[in-house]
Amino acid sequence: MDEDKKTPRKASFMYSMKAVFWSFFGLRRKSDFDSDSAQLNPVHIVIAAVICVAIFIALLMTVVRFVVSK
């Protein structure tokens, strides 16, 4: 068998969540970025990004309410 003709395995949704999470901080290795472009599903990335943004906004609102209430 020729290994060059193998199709790359698609990444899971949790792998997409991890990639989006680390991208929020800008802490992605070049090798991870290169492998992500072949594995990640664009629909998973969009869904993961929306979830991470919602969590981030909820966290900010919680911190602001905590600070303002003191």
Protein backbone atom coordinates (compact mmCIF):
# COMPACT_ATOMS: atom_id res chain seq x y z
CA MET A 1 0.00 0.00 0.00
CA ASP A 2 1.08 3.50 -0.69
CA GLU A 3 0.95 5.56 2.51
CA ASP A 4 0.97 8.87 0.64
CA LYS A 5 -2.51 8.20 -0.74
CA LYS A 6 -4.11 7.80 2.70
CA THR A 7 -6.71 10.40 3.55
CA PRO A 8 -6.08 12.21 6.84
CA ARG A 9 -8.30 11.20 9.72
CA LYS A 10 -10.89 13.80 10.67
CA ALA A 11 -10.53 15.35 14.11
CA SER A 12 -13.19 14.99 16.79
CA PHE A 13 -15.31 17.86 18.09
CA MET A 14 -13.33 17.91 21.36
CA TYR A 15 -10.10 18.34 19.40
CA SER A 16 -11.74 21.30 17.64
CA MET A 17 -12.73 22.76 21.03
CA LYS A 18 -9.13 22.41 22.22
CA ALA A 19 -7.79 24.08 19.07
CA VAL A 20 -10.20 27.01 19.42
CA PHE A 21 -9.45 27.37 23.14
CA TRP A 22 -5.69 27.58 22.61
CA SER A 23 -6.20 29.91 19.65
CA PHE A 24 -7.94 32.40 21.97
CA PHE A 25 -4.60 32.75 23.77
CA GLY A 26 -2.45 32.55 20.64
CA LEU A 27 -0.60 29.51 21.95
CA ARG A 28 -0.61 27.19 18.93
CA ARG A 29 2.51 25.45 17.71
CA LYS A 30 3.33 25.62 14.02
CA SER A 31 3.18 21.82 13.76
CA ASP A 32 -0.30 21.79 15.35
CA PHE A 33 -1.48 24.50 12.96
CA ASP A 34 -0.22 22.53 9.95
CA SER A 35 -1.92 19.32 11.05
CA ASP A 36 -5.12 21.19 11.93
CA SER A 37 -5.58 22.49 8.41
CA ALA A 38 -5.83 18.91 7.13
CA GLN A 39 -7.91 17.45 9.97
CA LEU A 40 -10.33 20.01 11.39
CA ASN A 41 -13.91 20.23 10.21
CA PRO A 42 -14.93 23.85 9.51
CA VAL A 43 -18.42 23.29 10.96
CA HIS A 44 -16.87 22.04 14.21
CA ILE A 45 -14.63 25.12 14.35
CA VAL A 46 -17.57 27.52 13.97
CA ILE A 47 -19.63 25.72 16.63
CA ALA A 48 -16.64 25.52 18.99
CA ALA A 49 -15.89 29.22 18.48
CA VAL A 50 -19.48 30.22 19.28
CA ILE A 51 -19.42 28.10 22.45
CA CYS A 52 -16.06 29.55 23.56
CA VAL A 53 -17.21 33.12 22.91
CA ALA A 54 -20.39 32.52 24.93
CA ILE A 55 -18.33 31.12 27.83
CA PHE A 56 -15.92 34.06 27.61
CA ILE A 57 -18.75 36.62 27.68
CA ALA A 58 -20.44 34.85 30.61
CA LEU A 59 -17.14 34.86 32.49
CA LEU A 60 -16.61 38.57 31.85
CA MET A 61 -20.15 39.40 32.96
CA THR A 62 -19.66 37.38 36.16
CA VAL A 63 -16.41 39.16 36.98
CA VAL A 64 -17.95 42.58 36.32
CA ARG A 65 -20.98 41.82 38.50
CA PHE A 66 -18.70 40.59 41.26
CA VAL A 67 -16.51 43.71 41.13
CA VAL A 68 -19.44 46.14 40.92
CA SER A 69 -21.28 44.52 43.82
CA LYS A 70 -18.38 45.08 46.23
